[in-house]
C-alpha atoms as a PDB file:
ATOM      1  CA  UNK A   1      37.564  61.468  37.515  1.00  0.00           C
ATOM      2  CA  UNK A   2      38.050  65.192  37.649  1.00  0.00           C
ATOM      3  CA  UNK A   3      35.943  67.272  35.397  1.00  0.00           C
ATOM      4  CA  UNK A   4      35.448  70.985  35.399  1.00  0.00           C
ATOM      5  CA  UNK A   5      37.086  74.392  35.618  1.00  0.00           C
ATOM      6  CA  UNK A   6      36.240  74.175  39.299  1.00  0.00           C
ATOM      7  CA  UNK A   7      38.564  71.188  39.677  1.00  0.00           C
ATOM      8  CA  UNK A   8      42.016  71.701  41.168  1.00  0.00           C
ATOM      9  CA  UNK A   9      44.025  70.036  38.391  1.00  0.00           C
ATOM     10  CA  UNK A  10      42.525  68.446  35.251  1.00  0.00           C
ATOM     11  CA  UNK A  11      43.523  64.805  35.315  1.00  0.00           C
ATOM     12  CA  UNK A  12      45.837  63.290  32.740  1.00  0.00           C
ATOM     13  CA  UNK A  13      44.659  59.974  31.294  1.00  0.00           C
ATOM     14  CA  UNK A  14      46.614  57.194  29.646  1.00  0.00           C
ATOM     15  CA  UNK A  15      44.328  54.157  29.737  1.00  0.00           C
ATOM     16  CA  UNK A  16      40.845  53.344  28.460  1.00  0.00           C
ATOM     17  CA  UNK A  17      39.568  51.035  31.195  1.00  0.00           C
ATOM     18  CA  UNK A  18      37.144  51.530  34.071  1.00  0.00           C
ATOM     19  CA  UNK A  19      38.607  52.342  37.486  1.00  0.00           C
ATOM     20  CA  UNK A  20      38.107  50.183  40.567  1.00  0.00           C
ATOM     21  CA  UNK A  21      35.265  52.265  41.976  1.00  0.00           C
ATOM     22  CA  UNK A  22      33.134  51.516  38.938  1.00  0.00           C
ATOM     23  CA  UNK A  23      32.705  47.934  40.157  1.00  0.00           C
ATOM     24  CA  UNK A  24      30.178  49.230  42.686  1.00  0.00           C
ATOM     25  CA  UNK A  25      29.197  52.642  41.274  1.00  0.00           C
ATOM     26  CA  UNK A  26      28.196  51.554  37.775  1.00  0.00           C
ATOM     27  CA  UNK A  27      25.633  48.927  38.915  1.00  0.00           C
ATOM     28  CA  UNK A  28      24.013  51.598  41.118  1.00  0.00           C
ATOM     29  CA  UNK A  29      23.802  53.963  38.143  1.00  0.00           C
ATOM     30  CA  UNK A  30      21.979  51.347  36.086  1.00  0.00           C
ATOM     31  CA  UNK A  31      19.711  50.464  39.005  1.00  0.00           C
ATOM     32  CA  UNK A  32      18.711  54.100  39.525  1.00  0.00           C
ATOM     33  CA  UNK A  33      18.189  54.605  35.778  1.00  0.00           C
ATOM     34  CA  UNK A  34      16.427  51.407  34.695  1.00  0.00           C
ATOM     35  CA  UNK A  35      15.038  52.990  31.527  1.00  0.00           C
ATOM     36  CA  UNK A  36      18.436  53.639  29.949  1.00  0.00           C
ATOM     37  CA  UNK A  37      18.016  52.294  26.459  1.00  0.00           C
ATOM     38  CA  UNK A  38      17.810  53.077  22.757  1.00  0.00           C
ATOM     39  CA  UNK A  39      17.582  56.790  22.007  1.00  0.00           C
ATOM     40  CA  UNK A  40      17.803  57.849  25.668  1.00  0.00           C
ATOM     41  CA  UNK A  41      19.778  61.099  25.637  1.00  0.00           C
ATOM     42  CA  UNK A  42      22.477  60.969  28.309  1.00  0.00           C
ATOM     43  CA  UNK A  43      25.078  63.481  29.508  1.00  0.00           C
ATOM     44  CA  UNK A  44      28.208  62.262  31.328  1.00  0.00           C
ATOM     45  CA  UNK A  45      29.582  65.183  33.374  1.00  0.00           C
ATOM     46  CA  UNK A  46      33.229  64.510  34.112  1.00  0.00           C
ATOM     47  CA  UNK A  47      33.463  61.699  31.584  1.00  0.00           C
ATOM     48  CA  UNK A  48      37.222  61.239  31.911  1.00  0.00           C
ATOM     49  CA  UNK A  49      38.436  58.626  29.447  1.00  0.00           C
ATOM     50  CA  UNK A  50      34.893  57.742  28.364  1.00  0.00           C
ATOM     51  CA  UNK A  51      34.958  54.260  29.902  1.00  0.00           C
ATOM     52  CA  UNK A  52      31.591  54.693  31.636  1.00  0.00           C
ATOM     53  CA  UNK A  53      30.108  56.406  28.579  1.00  0.00           C
ATOM     54  CA  UNK A  54      31.136  53.384  26.507  1.00  0.00           C
ATOM     55  CA  UNK A  55      29.195  51.103  28.876  1.00  0.00           C
ATOM     56  CA  UNK A  56      26.135  53.359  28.702  1.00  0.00           C
ATOM     57  CA  UNK A  57      26.363  53.514  24.915  1.00  0.00           C
ATOM     58  CA  UNK A  58      26.157  49.710  24.763  1.00  0.00           C
ATOM     59  CA  UNK A  59      22.523  50.094  25.839  1.00  0.00           C
ATOM     60  CA  UNK A  60      21.786  52.129  22.736  1.00  0.00           C
ATOM     61  CA  UNK A  61      21.828  55.509  24.480  1.00  0.00           C
ATOM     62  CA  UNK A  62      22.832  58.711  22.711  1.00  0.00           C
ATOM     63  CA  UNK A  63      25.762  59.802  24.869  1.00  0.00           C
ATOM     64  CA  UNK A  64      27.435  63.196  25.272  1.00  0.00           C
ATOM     65  CA  UNK A  65      30.362  63.689  27.636  1.00  0.00           C
ATOM     66  CA  UNK A  66      32.261  66.686  28.976  1.00  0.00           C
ATOM     67  CA  UNK A  67      35.487  66.973  30.929  1.00  0.00           C
ATOM     68  CA  UNK A  68      38.235  69.527  31.441  1.00  0.00           C
ATOM     69  CA  UNK A  69      40.935  66.971  30.701  1.00  0.00           C
ATOM     70  CA  UNK A  70      42.228  67.219  27.129  1.00  0.00           C
ATOM     71  CA  UNK A  71      43.766  63.749  27.300  1.00  0.00           C
ATOM     72  CA  UNK A  72      40.569  62.325  28.756  1.00  0.00           C
ATOM     73  CA  UNK A  73      38.441  63.722  25.937  1.00  0.00           C
ATOM     74  CA  UNK A  74      40.862  62.481  23.282  1.00  0.00           C
ATOM     75  CA  UNK A  75      40.696  58.956  24.712  1.00  0.00           C
ATOM     76  CA  UNK A  76      36.917  59.147  25.200  1.00  0.00           C
ATOM     77  CA  UNK A  77      36.422  59.905  21.517  1.00  0.00           C
ATOM     78  CA  UNK A  78      38.320  56.720  20.663  1.00  0.00           C
ATOM     79  CA  UNK A  79      36.816  54.710  23.498  1.00  0.00           C
ATOM     80  CA  UNK A  80      33.219  55.559  22.588  1.00  0.00           C
ATOM     81  CA  UNK A  81      33.143  56.607  18.918  1.00  0.00           C
ATOM     82  CA  UNK A  82      29.343  56.834  18.833  1.00  0.00           C
ATOM     83  CA  UNK A  83      29.347  59.605  21.451  1.00  0.00           C
ATOM     84  CA  UNK A  84      30.088  63.309  21.395  1.00  0.00           C
ATOM     85  CA  UNK A  85      32.825  64.510  23.774  1.00  0.00           C
ATOM     86  CA  UNK A  86      33.862  68.086  24.472  1.00  0.00           C
ATOM     87  CA  UNK A  87      36.277  69.932  26.757  1.00  0.00           C
ATOM     88  CA  UNK A  88      33.831  72.055  28.742  1.00  0.00           C
ATOM     89  CA  UNK A  89      33.246  73.138  32.344  1.00  0.00           C
ATOM     90  CA  UNK A  90      30.112  72.106  34.211  1.00  0.00           C
ATOM     91  CA  UNK A  91      28.469  75.334  35.342  1.00  0.00           C
ATOM     92  CA  UNK A  92      25.249  77.285  34.800  1.00  0.00           C
ATOM     93  CA  UNK A  93      26.207  77.833  31.128  1.00  0.00           C
ATOM     94  CA  UNK A  94      26.715  74.130  30.429  1.00  0.00           C
ATOM     95  CA  UNK A  95      23.698  73.541  28.222  1.00  0.00           C
ATOM     96  CA  UNK A  96      24.201  76.779  26.279  1.00  0.00           C
ATOM     97  CA  UNK A  97      27.868  75.993  25.666  1.00  0.00           C
ATOM     98  CA  UNK A  98      26.991  72.509  24.458  1.00  0.00           C
ATOM     99  CA  UNK A  99      24.229  73.725  22.155  1.00  0.00           C
ATOM    100  CA  UNK A 100      22.072  70.756  23.130  1.00  0.00           C
ATOM    101  CA  UNK A 101      18.534  70.261  24.384  1.00  0.00           C
ATOM    102  CA  UNK A 102      18.124  69.118  28.017  1.00  0.00           C
ATOM    103  CA  UNK A 103      18.937  65.454  28.564  1.00  0.00           C
ATOM    104  CA  UNK A 104      16.844  62.533  29.790  1.00  0.00           C
ATOM    105  CA  UNK A 105      19.619  61.445  32.149  1.00  0.00           C
ATOM    106  CA  UNK A 106      22.588  63.403  33.482  1.00  0.00           C
ATOM    107  CA  UNK A 107      25.149  61.632  35.632  1.00  0.00           C
ATOM    108  CA  UNK A 108      28.421  62.515  37.313  1.00  0.00           C
ATOM    109  CA  UNK A 109      30.505  59.808  38.970  1.00  0.00           C
ATOM    110  CA  UNK A 110      33.221  60.546  41.545  1.00  0.00           C
ATOM    111  CA  UNK A 111      33.662  64.165  40.460  1.00  0.00           C
ATOM    112  CA  UNK A 112      31.938  66.512  42.890  1.00  0.00           C
ATOM    113  CA  UNK A 113      34.381  65.816  45.732  1.00  0.00           C
ATOM    114  CA  UNK A 114      37.168  67.457  43.706  1.00  0.00           C
ATOM    115  CA  UNK A 115      35.420  70.804  43.166  1.00  0.00           C
ATOM    116  CA  UNK A 116      35.685  74.127  44.952  1.00  0.00           C
ATOM    117  CA  UNK A 117      32.136  75.155  44.040  1.00  0.00           C
ATOM    118  CA  UNK A 118      29.811  72.137  44.016  1.00  0.00           C
ATOM    119  CA  UNK A 119      26.743  74.415  44.066  1.00  0.00           C
ATOM    120  CA  UNK A 120      27.392  75.837  40.588  1.00  0.00           C
ATOM    121  CA  UNK A 121      28.353  72.364  39.374  1.00  0.00           C
ATOM    122  CA  UNK A 122      25.017  70.857  40.470  1.00  0.00           C
ATOM    123  CA  UNK A 123      23.174  73.912  39.125  1.00  0.00           C
ATOM    124  CA  UNK A 124      24.723  73.201  35.724  1.00  0.00           C
ATOM    125  CA  UNK A 125      23.645  69.577  35.939  1.00  0.00           C
ATOM    126  CA  UNK A 126      20.125  70.698  36.907  1.00  0.00           C
ATOM    127  CA  UNK A 127      19.891  72.998  33.896  1.00  0.00           C
ATOM    128  CA  UNK A 128      21.058  70.153  31.642  1.00  0.00           C
ATOM    129  CA  UNK A 129      18.360  67.770  32.914  1.00  0.00           C
ATOM    130  CA  UNK A 130      14.967  67.905  31.215  1.00  0.00           C
ATOM    131  CA  UNK A 131      11.787  68.188  33.248  1.00  0.00           C
ATOM    132  CA  UNK A 132      11.010  64.694  34.498  1.00  0.00           C
ATOM    133  CA  UNK A 133      14.604  63.661  33.798  1.00  0.00           C
ATOM    134  CA  UNK A 134      17.030  62.089  36.261  1.00  0.00           C
ATOM    135  CA  UNK A 135      20.348  63.268  37.674  1.00  0.00           C
ATOM    136  CA  UNK A 136      22.687  60.726  39.281  1.00  0.00           C
ATOM    137  CA  UNK A 137      25.691  61.742  41.368  1.00  0.00           C
ATOM    138  CA  UNK A 138      28.231  59.533  43.113  1.00  0.00           C
ATOM    139  CA  UNK A 139      30.892  60.567  45.604  1.00  0.00           C
ATOM    140  CA  UNK A 140      32.868  58.930  48.431  1.00  0.00           C
ATOM    141  CA  UNK A 141      30.624  58.302  51.425  1.00  0.00           C
ATOM    142  CA  UNK A 142      31.253  59.891  54.827  1.00  0.00           C
ATOM    143  CA  UNK A 143      28.939  59.131  57.714  1.00  0.00           C
ATOM    144  CA  UNK A 144      29.091  58.718  61.482  1.00  0.00           C
ATOM    145  CA  UNK A 145      30.010  55.014  61.597  1.00  0.00           C
ATOM    146  CA  UNK A 146      32.674  55.301  58.906  1.00  0.00           C
ATOM    147  CA  UNK A 147      34.142  58.460  60.416  1.00  0.00           C
ATOM    148  CA  UNK A 148      34.219  56.815  63.855  1.00  0.00           C
ATOM    149  CA  UNK A 149      35.967  53.752  62.450  1.00  0.00           C
ATOM    150  CA  UNK A 150      38.580  55.944  60.761  1.00  0.00           C
ATOM    151  CA  UNK A 151      39.184  57.730  64.053  1.00  0.00           C
ATOM    152  CA  UNK A 152      39.498  54.484  66.026  1.00  0.00           C
ATOM    153  CA  UNK A 153      41.965  53.130  63.465  1.00  0.00           C
ATOM    154  CA  UNK A 154      43.903  56.419  63.307  1.00  0.00           C
ATOM    155  CA  UNK A 155      43.230  56.478  59.591  1.00  0.00           C
ATOM    156  CA  UNK A 156      42.549  60.154  58.903  1.00  0.00           C
ATOM    157  CA  UNK A 157      46.053  61.053  57.704  1.00  0.00           C
ATOM    158  CA  UNK A 158      45.885  58.325  55.081  1.00  0.00           C
ATOM    159  CA  UNK A 159      42.267  59.070  54.208  1.00  0.00           C
ATOM    160  CA  UNK A 160      42.821  62.814  53.789  1.00  0.00           C
ATOM    161  CA  UNK A 161      46.431  62.843  52.641  1.00  0.00           C
ATOM    162  CA  UNK A 162      47.197  66.530  51.920  1.00  0.00           C
ATOM    163  CA  UNK A 163      50.424  65.748  50.063  1.00  0.00           C
ATOM    164  CA  UNK A 164      48.727  64.119  47.066  1.00  0.00           C
ATOM    165  CA  UNK A 165      47.697  66.318  44.156  1.00  0.00           C
ATOM    166  CA  UNK A 166      44.204  66.065  42.759  1.00  0.00           C
ATOM    167  CA  UNK A 167      42.673  64.410  45.803  1.00  0.00           C
ATOM    168  CA  UNK A 168      39.316  65.127  47.420  1.00  0.00           C
ATOM    169  CA  UNK A 169      38.594  68.551  48.886  1.00  0.00           C
ATOM    170  CA  UNK A 170      34.882  68.067  49.711  1.00  0.00           C
ATOM    171  CA  UNK A 171      33.587  65.307  51.963  1.00  0.00           C
ATOM    172  CA  UNK A 172      29.883  64.549  51.703  1.00  0.00           C
ATOM    173  CA  UNK A 173      27.533  62.615  53.931  1.00  0.00           C
ATOM    174  CA  UNK A 174      24.163  61.379  52.784  1.00  0.00           C
ATOM    175  CA  UNK A 175      22.559  64.342  54.549  1.00  0.00           C
ATOM    176  CA  UNK A 176      24.795  67.023  53.016  1.00  0.00           C
ATOM    177  CA  UNK A 177      24.564  65.652  49.472  1.00  0.00           C
ATOM    178  CA  UNK A 178      20.789  65.343  49.820  1.00  0.00           C
ATOM    179  CA  UNK A 179      20.601  68.939  51.009  1.00  0.00           C
ATOM    180  CA  UNK A 180      22.655  70.173  48.048  1.00  0.00           C
ATOM    181  CA  UNK A 181      20.507  68.332  45.506  1.00  0.00           C
ATOM    182  CA  UNK A 182      17.252  69.471  47.097  1.00  0.00           C
ATOM    183  CA  UNK A 183      18.376  73.100  47.376  1.00  0.00           C
ATOM    184  CA  UNK A 184      19.227  73.008  43.669  1.00  0.00           C
ATOM    185  CA  UNK A 185      15.720  71.814  42.854  1.00  0.00           C
ATOM    186  CA  UNK A 186      15.922  68.023  42.515  1.00  0.00           C
ATOM    187  CA  UNK A 187      13.160  65.954  44.095  1.00  0.00           C
ATOM    188  CA  UNK A 188      12.327  62.268  44.738  1.00  0.00           C
ATOM    189  CA  UNK A 189      15.867  61.493  45.888  1.00  0.00           C
ATOM    190  CA  UNK A 190      17.055  57.889  46.026  1.00  0.00           C
ATOM    191  CA  UNK A 191      20.198  56.549  47.696  1.00  0.00           C
ATOM    192  CA  UNK A 192      22.511  53.596  47.143  1.00  0.00           C
ATOM    193  CA  UNK A 193      25.715  52.738  48.993  1.00  0.00           C
ATOM    194  CA  UNK A 194      28.448  50.583  47.560  1.00  0.00           C
ATOM    195  CA  UNK A 195      31.895  49.115  47.916  1.00  0.00           C
ATOM    196  CA  UNK A 196      31.773  47.956  51.520  1.00  0.00           C
ATOM    197  CA  UNK A 197      29.428  46.887  54.332  1.00  0.00           C
ATOM    198  CA  UNK A 198      26.443  49.181  55.020  1.00  0.00           C
ATOM    199  CA  UNK A 199      27.359  52.474  56.713  1.00  0.00           C
ATOM    200  CA  UNK A 200      31.019  51.838  55.933  1.00  0.00           C
ATOM    201  CA  UNK A 201      30.414  52.285  52.205  1.00  0.00           C
ATOM    202  CA  UNK A 202      33.246  53.470  49.996  1.00  0.00           C
ATOM    203  CA  UNK A 203      30.906  55.546  47.841  1.00  0.00           C
ATOM    204  CA  UNK A 204      27.289  56.616  47.735  1.00  0.00           C
ATOM    205  CA  UNK A 205      25.172  57.121  44.652  1.00  0.00           C
ATOM    206  CA  UNK A 206      22.174  59.447  44.736  1.00  0.00           C
ATOM    207  CA  UNK A 207      19.565  60.252  42.126  1.00  0.00           C
ATOM    208  CA  UNK A 208      17.055  63.049  41.871  1.00  0.00           C
ATOM    209  CA  UNK A 209      14.338  64.035  39.434  1.00  0.00           C
ATOM    210  CA  UNK A 210      13.922  67.505  37.976  1.00  0.00           C
ATOM    211  CA  UNK A 211      10.249  68.467  38.488  1.00  0.00           C
END
């Protein structure tokens, strides 16, 4: 999923289904937000085709989604007709531009790694989260063991292929993502890894609470 004006190229969507990464990211989202249920107000930042929003809406949540992809938003509106979906950037003006009150839960899955300015992106998510509310962010995991394995297998050219458009431009470890969330103001961080054996995870999912 790519999502905001900070993204390199807004993604074009054709399908309505979940992507492969959601097999391990979506369960972590629900684990970190166990109170998702009827009337919980939820914001999906970088909603893409609305496939995740549709799963969240099944729990009775009131879902709003934003993305910079016109095709994604069009599909999301069909995919999750109970939700509200808008073409909007995620920045410090997010909540004002939406004209909404802060949300109980804000999440962004596999988006932040595509952005030039993740600080303003997370600041927008912080402003959109109510006091006591939860923000959940997932991104591909990079840590010592995984980076060492890639080096030993000579896998960096494939992993960071510069010839593909719309690929990752930011590479987070648990420490760097934690630092970004804490500097923005989130507290009580929790971590989940998924998609592979521990410390070789494909993605990590982190949550934080707005005090």
